[in-house]
Amino acid sequence: MPGKKNLRMKAARAAVGLSQADLAEAVGVTRQTEAGGYNPTLNLCVAICKALRVTLNDLFWEDESDVDPDAL
């Protein structure tokens, strides 16, 4: 099951009408799935946010309700 970050990415892509392949081409990478397991570099995160017209916080920041207190 996709994580919240992946669902935010999918929603942001849909909002601007981009497929995964479109986004990958826009930021100059090969297509990855939104199922998780891949950690992009900060530069790639910034490029993704610019392409999707969102902020880093919008796409990647976990709010307090996303944090598992047992993991701290």
PDB file of N, CA and C in Angstrom:
ATOM      1  N   MET A   1       0.849  -1.181   0.000  1.00  0.00           N
ATOM      2  CA  MET A   1       0.000   0.000   0.000  1.00  0.00           C
ATOM      3  C   MET A   1       0.893   1.242   0.000  1.00  0.00           C
ATOM      4  N   PRO A   2       0.591   2.222  -0.859  1.00  0.00           N
ATOM      5  CA  PRO A   2       1.419   3.423  -0.933  1.00  0.00           C
ATOM      6  C   PRO A   2       1.338   4.244   0.345  1.00  0.00           C
ATOM      7  N   GLY A   3       2.458   4.903   0.687  1.00  0.00           N
ATOM      8  CA  GLY A   3       2.488   5.782   1.838  1.00  0.00           C
ATOM      9  C   GLY A   3       1.852   7.120   1.526  1.00  0.00           C
ATOM     10  N   LYS A   4       1.703   7.948   2.570  1.00  0.00           N
ATOM     11  CA  LYS A   4       1.079   9.258   2.389  1.00  0.00           C
ATOM     12  C   LYS A   4       1.863  10.134   1.423  1.00  0.00           C
ATOM     13  N   LYS A   5       3.212  10.073   1.496  1.00  0.00           N
ATOM     14  CA  LYS A   5       4.032  10.867   0.581  1.00  0.00           C
ATOM     15  C   LYS A   5       3.732  10.472  -0.861  1.00  0.00           C
ATOM     16  N   ASN A   6       3.601   9.181  -1.113  1.00  0.00           N
ATOM     17  CA  ASN A   6       3.337   8.713  -2.468  1.00  0.00           C
ATOM     18  C   ASN A   6       1.947   9.118  -2.942  1.00  0.00           C
ATOM     19  N   LEU A   7       0.984   9.113  -2.037  1.00  0.00           N
ATOM     20  CA  LEU A   7      -0.357   9.559  -2.394  1.00  0.00           C
ATOM     21  C   LEU A   7      -0.370  11.054  -2.689  1.00  0.00           C
ATOM     22  N   ARG A   8       0.414  11.840  -1.926  1.00  0.00           N
ATOM     23  CA  ARG A   8       0.507  13.278  -2.200  1.00  0.00           C
ATOM     24  C   ARG A   8       1.130  13.519  -3.568  1.00  0.00           C
ATOM     25  N   MET A   9       2.149  12.732  -3.920  1.00  0.00           N
ATOM     26  CA  MET A   9       2.799  12.861  -5.228  1.00  0.00           C
ATOM     27  C   MET A   9       1.795  12.554  -6.339  1.00  0.00           C
ATOM     28  N   LYS A  10       1.049  11.481  -6.186  1.00  0.00           N
ATOM     29  CA  LYS A  10       0.066  11.089  -7.192  1.00  0.00           C
ATOM     30  C   LYS A  10      -1.000  12.170  -7.358  1.00  0.00           C
ATOM     31  N   ALA A  11      -1.478  12.714  -6.242  1.00  0.00           N
ATOM     32  CA  ALA A  11      -2.496  13.763  -6.291  1.00  0.00           C
ATOM     33  C   ALA A  11      -1.947  15.028  -6.950  1.00  0.00           C
ATOM     34  N   ALA A  12      -0.711  15.388  -6.634  1.00  0.00           N
ATOM     35  CA  ALA A  12      -0.098  16.583  -7.216  1.00  0.00           C
ATOM     36  C   ALA A  12       0.091  16.405  -8.727  1.00  0.00           C
ATOM     37  N   ARG A  13       0.492  15.200  -9.140  1.00  0.00           N
ATOM     38  CA  ARG A  13       0.636  14.917 -10.577  1.00  0.00           C
ATOM     39  C   ARG A  13      -0.700  15.054 -11.284  1.00  0.00           C
ATOM     40  N   ALA A  14      -1.729  14.473 -10.683  1.00  0.00           N
ATOM     41  CA  ALA A  14      -3.060  14.528 -11.283  1.00  0.00           C
ATOM     42  C   ALA A  14      -3.556  15.970 -11.392  1.00  0.00           C
ATOM     43  N   ALA A  15      -3.237  16.779 -10.392  1.00  0.00           N
ATOM     44  CA  ALA A  15      -3.696  18.169 -10.373  1.00  0.00           C
ATOM     45  C   ALA A  15      -3.134  18.982 -11.535  1.00  0.00           C
ATOM     46  N   VAL A  16      -1.942  18.615 -12.003  1.00  0.00           N
ATOM     47  CA  VAL A  16      -1.343  19.341 -13.131  1.00  0.00           C
ATOM     48  C   VAL A  16      -1.427  18.538 -14.424  1.00  0.00           C
ATOM     49  N   GLY A  17      -2.090  17.379 -14.368  1.00  0.00           N
ATOM     50  CA  GLY A  17      -2.332  16.592 -15.573  1.00  0.00           C
ATOM     51  C   GLY A  17      -1.124  15.856 -16.120  1.00  0.00           C
ATOM     52  N   LEU A  18      -0.205  15.425 -15.230  1.00  0.00           N
ATOM     53  CA  LEU A  18       0.981  14.702 -15.674  1.00  0.00           C
ATOM     54  C   LEU A  18       0.895  13.223 -15.302  1.00  0.00           C
ATOM     55  N   SER A  19       1.364  12.377 -16.207  1.00  0.00           N
ATOM     56  CA  SER A  19       1.519  10.959 -15.883  1.00  0.00           C
ATOM     57  C   SER A  19       2.865  10.777 -15.209  1.00  0.00           C
ATOM     58  N   GLN A  20       3.126   9.587 -14.685  1.00  0.00           N
ATOM     59  CA  GLN A  20       4.451   9.303 -14.112  1.00  0.00           C
ATOM     60  C   GLN A  20       5.524   9.504 -15.170  1.00  0.00           C
ATOM     61  N   ALA A  21       5.267   9.040 -16.376  1.00  0.00           N
ATOM     62  CA  ALA A  21       6.243   9.177 -17.463  1.00  0.00           C
ATOM     63  C   ALA A  21       6.473  10.650 -17.807  1.00  0.00           C
ATOM     64  N   ASP A  22       5.395  11.451 -17.823  1.00  0.00           N
ATOM     65  CA  ASP A  22       5.527  12.881 -18.095  1.00  0.00           C
ATOM     66  C   ASP A  22       6.391  13.567 -17.050  1.00  0.00           C
ATOM     67  N   LEU A  23       6.141  13.244 -15.780  1.00  0.00           N
ATOM     68  CA  LEU A  23       6.917  13.845 -14.698  1.00  0.00           C
ATOM     69  C   LEU A  23       8.375  13.438 -14.783  1.00  0.00           C
ATOM     70  N   ALA A  24       8.613  12.165 -15.033  1.00  0.00           N
ATOM     71  CA  ALA A  24       9.992  11.684 -15.153  1.00  0.00           C
ATOM     72  C   ALA A  24      10.726  12.433 -16.254  1.00  0.00           C
ATOM     73  N   GLU A  25      10.077  12.592 -17.393  1.00  0.00           N
ATOM     74  CA  GLU A  25      10.705  13.319 -18.502  1.00  0.00           C
ATOM     75  C   GLU A  25      10.957  14.783 -18.127  1.00  0.00           C
ATOM     76  N   ALA A  26      10.002  15.398 -17.434  1.00  0.00           N
ATOM     77  CA  ALA A  26      10.131  16.807 -17.057  1.00  0.00           C
ATOM     78  C   ALA A  26      11.310  17.055 -16.124  1.00  0.00           C
ATOM     79  N   VAL A  27      11.632  16.069 -15.280  1.00  0.00           N
ATOM     80  CA  VAL A  27      12.722  16.263 -14.318  1.00  0.00           C
ATOM     81  C   VAL A  27      13.998  15.521 -14.732  1.00  0.00           C
ATOM     82  N   GLY A  28      13.962  14.844 -15.872  1.00  0.00           N
ATOM     83  CA  GLY A  28      15.163  14.230 -16.415  1.00  0.00           C
ATOM     84  C   GLY A  28      15.599  12.928 -15.762  1.00  0.00           C
ATOM     85  N   VAL A  29      14.634  12.104 -15.364  1.00  0.00           N
ATOM     86  CA  VAL A  29      14.949  10.798 -14.774  1.00  0.00           C
ATOM     87  C   VAL A  29      14.116   9.723 -15.466  1.00  0.00           C
ATOM     88  N   THR A  30      14.438   8.460 -15.179  1.00  0.00           N
ATOM     89  CA  THR A  30      13.594   7.383 -15.669  1.00  0.00           C
ATOM     90  C   THR A  30      12.396   7.249 -14.740  1.00  0.00           C
ATOM     91  N   ARG A  31      11.340   6.687 -15.253  1.00  0.00           N
ATOM     92  CA  ARG A  31      10.101   6.555 -14.487  1.00  0.00           C
ATOM     93  C   ARG A  31      10.288   5.580 -13.333  1.00  0.00           C
ATOM     94  N   GLN A  32       9.843   5.985 -12.154  1.00  0.00           N
ATOM     95  CA  GLN A  32       9.798   5.129 -10.969  1.00  0.00           C
ATOM     96  C   GLN A  32       8.335   5.004 -10.564  1.00  0.00           C
ATOM     97  N   THR A  33       7.995   3.939  -9.905  1.00  0.00           N
ATOM     98  CA  THR A  33       6.617   3.819  -9.430  1.00  0.00           C
ATOM     99  C   THR A  33       6.434   4.621  -8.155  1.00  0.00           C
ATOM    100  N   GLU A  34       5.204   4.915  -7.826  1.00  0.00           N
ATOM    101  CA  GLU A  34       4.895   5.633  -6.601  1.00  0.00           C
ATOM    102  C   GLU A  34       4.658   4.666  -5.449  1.00  0.00           C
ATOM    103  N   ALA A  35       5.023   3.422  -5.634  1.00  0.00           N
ATOM    104  CA  ALA A  35       4.827   2.429  -4.577  1.00  0.00           C
ATOM    105  C   ALA A  35       5.831   2.598  -3.446  1.00  0.00           C
ATOM    106  N   GLY A  36       6.854   3.405  -3.651  1.00  0.00           N
ATOM    107  CA  GLY A  36       7.828   3.669  -2.601  1.00  0.00           C
ATOM    108  C   GLY A  36       9.125   2.928  -2.806  1.00  0.00           C
ATOM    109  N   GLY A  37      10.012   3.049  -1.832  1.00  0.00           N
ATOM    110  CA  GLY A  37      11.287   2.362  -1.892  1.00  0.00           C
ATOM    111  C   GLY A  37      12.387   3.162  -2.553  1.00  0.00           C
ATOM    112  N   TYR A  38      12.077   4.336  -3.087  1.00  0.00           N
ATOM    113  CA  TYR A  38      13.079   5.164  -3.741  1.00  0.00           C
ATOM    114  C   TYR A  38      13.166   6.492  -3.012  1.00  0.00           C
ATOM    115  N   ASN A  39      14.386   6.902  -2.648  1.00  0.00           N
ATOM    116  CA  ASN A  39      14.585   8.182  -1.977  1.00  0.00           C
ATOM    117  C   ASN A  39      15.331   9.125  -2.909  1.00  0.00           C
ATOM    118  N   PRO A  40      14.636  10.101  -3.485  1.00  0.00           N
ATOM    119  CA  PRO A  40      15.279  11.026  -4.415  1.00  0.00           C
ATOM    120  C   PRO A  40      16.229  11.988  -3.701  1.00  0.00           C
ATOM    121  N   THR A  41      17.191  12.503  -4.448  1.00  0.00           N
ATOM    122  CA  THR A  41      18.098  13.516  -3.910  1.00  0.00           C
ATOM    123  C   THR A  41      17.314  14.803  -3.661  1.00  0.00           C
ATOM    124  N   LEU A  42      17.907  15.705  -2.893  1.00  0.00           N
ATOM    125  CA  LEU A  42      17.257  16.991  -2.643  1.00  0.00           C
ATOM    126  C   LEU A  42      17.048  17.750  -3.950  1.00  0.00           C
ATOM    127  N   ASN A  43      18.053  17.728  -4.832  1.00  0.00           N
ATOM    128  CA  ASN A  43      17.909  18.421  -6.120  1.00  0.00           C
ATOM    129  C   ASN A  43      16.748  17.853  -6.924  1.00  0.00           C
ATOM    130  N   LEU A  44      16.586  16.540  -6.908  1.00  0.00           N
ATOM    131  CA  LEU A  44      15.474  15.925  -7.623  1.00  0.00           C
ATOM    132  C   LEU A  44      14.148  16.287  -6.959  1.00  0.00           C
ATOM    133  N   CYS A  45      14.111  16.311  -5.635  1.00  0.00           N
ATOM    134  CA  CYS A  45      12.894  16.720  -4.927  1.00  0.00           C
ATOM    135  C   CYS A  45      12.472  18.129  -5.337  1.00  0.00           C
ATOM    136  N   VAL A  46      13.434  19.034  -5.421  1.00  0.00           N
ATOM    137  CA  VAL A  46      13.150  20.414  -5.814  1.00  0.00           C
ATOM    138  C   VAL A  46      12.619  20.445  -7.248  1.00  0.00           C
ATOM    139  N   ALA A  47      13.243  19.691  -8.147  1.00  0.00           N
ATOM    140  CA  ALA A  47      12.797  19.643  -9.539  1.00  0.00           C
ATOM    141  C   ALA A  47      11.373  19.089  -9.639  1.00  0.00           C
ATOM    142  N   ILE A  48      11.084  18.058  -8.874  1.00  0.00           N
ATOM    143  CA  ILE A  48       9.740  17.481  -8.867  1.00  0.00           C
ATOM    144  C   ILE A  48       8.730  18.518  -8.385  1.00  0.00           C
ATOM    145  N   CYS A  49       9.060  19.212  -7.308  1.00  0.00           N
ATOM    146  CA  CYS A  49       8.150  20.229  -6.766  1.00  0.00           C
ATOM    147  C   CYS A  49       7.898  21.339  -7.772  1.00  0.00           C
ATOM    148  N   LYS A  50       8.952  21.779  -8.464  1.00  0.00           N
ATOM    149  CA  LYS A  50       8.771  22.819  -9.485  1.00  0.00           C
ATOM    150  C   LYS A  50       7.861  22.322 -10.599  1.00  0.00           C
ATOM    151  N   ALA A  51       8.071  21.091 -11.054  1.00  0.00           N
ATOM    152  CA  ALA A  51       7.258  20.536 -12.134  1.00  0.00           C
ATOM    153  C   ALA A  51       5.800  20.388 -11.713  1.00  0.00           C
ATOM    154  N   LEU A  52       5.576  20.087 -10.441  1.00  0.00           N
ATOM    155  CA  LEU A  52       4.217  19.885  -9.933  1.00  0.00           C
ATOM    156  C   LEU A  52       3.598  21.153  -9.351  1.00  0.00           C
ATOM    157  N   ARG A  53       4.403  22.224  -9.282  1.00  0.00           N
ATOM    158  CA  ARG A  53       3.939  23.519  -8.763  1.00  0.00           C
ATOM    159  C   ARG A  53       3.470  23.421  -7.318  1.00  0.00           C
ATOM    160  N   VAL A  54       4.279  22.709  -6.514  1.00  0.00           N
ATOM    161  CA  VAL A  54       4.028  22.591  -5.076  1.00  0.00           C
ATOM    162  C   VAL A  54       5.323  22.872  -4.336  1.00  0.00           C
ATOM    163  N   THR A  55       5.243  23.002  -3.017  1.00  0.00           N
ATOM    164  CA  THR A  55       6.441  23.214  -2.216  1.00  0.00           C
ATOM    165  C   THR A  55       6.979  21.881  -1.705  1.00  0.00           C
ATOM    166  N   LEU A  56       8.214  21.906  -1.235  1.00  0.00           N
ATOM    167  CA  LEU A  56       8.782  20.717  -0.599  1.00  0.00           C
ATOM    168  C   LEU A  56       7.915  20.282   0.573  1.00  0.00           C
ATOM    169  N   ASN A  57       7.459  21.237   1.364  1.00  0.00           N
ATOM    170  CA  ASN A  57       6.593  20.908   2.501  1.00  0.00           C
ATOM    171  C   ASN A  57       5.307  20.235   2.041  1.00  0.00           C
ATOM    172  N   ASP A  58       4.707  20.748   0.976  1.00  0.00           N
ATOM    173  CA  ASP A  58       3.457  20.172   0.474  1.00  0.00           C
ATOM    174  C   ASP A  58       3.636  18.702   0.119  1.00  0.00           C
ATOM    175  N   LEU A  59       4.758  18.377  -0.480  1.00  0.00           N
ATOM    176  CA  LEU A  59       4.942  17.046  -1.043  1.00  0.00           C
ATOM    177  C   LEU A  59       5.658  16.073  -0.130  1.00  0.00           C
ATOM    178  N   PHE A  60       6.648  16.559   0.610  1.00  0.00           N
ATOM    179  CA  PHE A  60       7.522  15.633   1.323  1.00  0.00           C
ATOM    180  C   PHE A  60       7.482  15.714   2.845  1.00  0.00           C
ATOM    181  N   TRP A  61       7.000  16.803   3.412  1.00  0.00           N
ATOM    182  CA  TRP A  61       7.049  16.967   4.861  1.00  0.00           C
ATOM    183  C   TRP A  61       5.942  16.184   5.527  1.00  0.00           C
ATOM    184  N   GLU A  62       6.280  15.432   6.544  1.00  0.00           N
ATOM    185  CA  GLU A  62       5.277  14.712   7.321  1.00  0.00           C
ATOM    186  C   GLU A  62       4.806  15.611   8.442  1.00  0.00           C
ATOM    187  N   ASP A  63       3.483  15.756   8.571  1.00  0.00           N
ATOM    188  CA  ASP A  63       3.009  16.531   9.709  1.00  0.00           C
ATOM    189  C   ASP A  63       2.957  15.614  10.932  1.00  0.00           C
ATOM    190  N   GLU A  64       2.665  16.180  12.069  1.00  0.00           N
ATOM    191  CA  GLU A  64       2.711  15.417  13.319  1.00  0.00           C
ATOM    192  C   GLU A  64       1.789  14.211  13.309  1.00  0.00           C
ATOM    193  N   SER A  65       0.679  14.285  12.575  1.00  0.00           N
ATOM    194  CA  SER A  65      -0.227  13.145  12.542  1.00  0.00           C
ATOM    195  C   SER A  65       0.318  11.989  11.721  1.00  0.00           C
ATOM    196  N   ASP A  66       1.365  12.247  10.895  1.00  0.00           N
ATOM    197  CA  ASP A  66       1.985  11.212  10.069  1.00  0.00           C
ATOM    198  C   ASP A  66       3.085  10.463  10.815  1.00  0.00           C
ATOM    199  N   VAL A  67       3.552  10.998  11.940  1.00  0.00           N
ATOM    200  CA  VAL A  67       4.705  10.438  12.643  1.00  0.00           C
ATOM    201  C   VAL A  67       4.274   9.362  13.628  1.00  0.00           C
ATOM    202  N   ASP A  68       4.967   8.237  13.600  1.00  0.00           N
ATOM    203  CA  ASP A  68       4.719   7.150  14.545  1.00  0.00           C
ATOM    204  C   ASP A  68       5.490   7.480  15.824  1.00  0.00           C
ATOM    205  N   PRO A  69       4.810   7.746  16.945  1.00  0.00           N
ATOM    206  CA  PRO A  69       5.509   8.124  18.176  1.00  0.00           C
ATOM    207  C   PRO A  69       6.445   7.022  18.677  1.00  0.00           C
ATOM    208  N   ASP A  70       6.168   5.778  18.339  1.00  0.00           N
ATOM    209  CA  ASP A  70       7.037   4.680  18.772  1.00  0.00           C
ATOM    210  C   ASP A  70       8.355   4.636  17.995  1.00  0.00           C
ATOM    211  N   ALA A  71       8.403   5.341  16.869  1.00  0.00           N
ATOM    212  CA  ALA A  71       9.618   5.337  16.043  1.00  0.00           C
ATOM    213  C   ALA A  71      10.615   6.405  16.515  1.00  0.00           C
ATOM    214  N   LEU A  72      10.211   7.254  17.440  1.00  0.00           N
ATOM    215  CA  LEU A  72      11.102   8.341  17.907  1.00  0.00           C
ATOM    216  C   LEU A  72      12.097   7.865  18.902  1.00  0.00           C
TER     217      LEU A  72
END
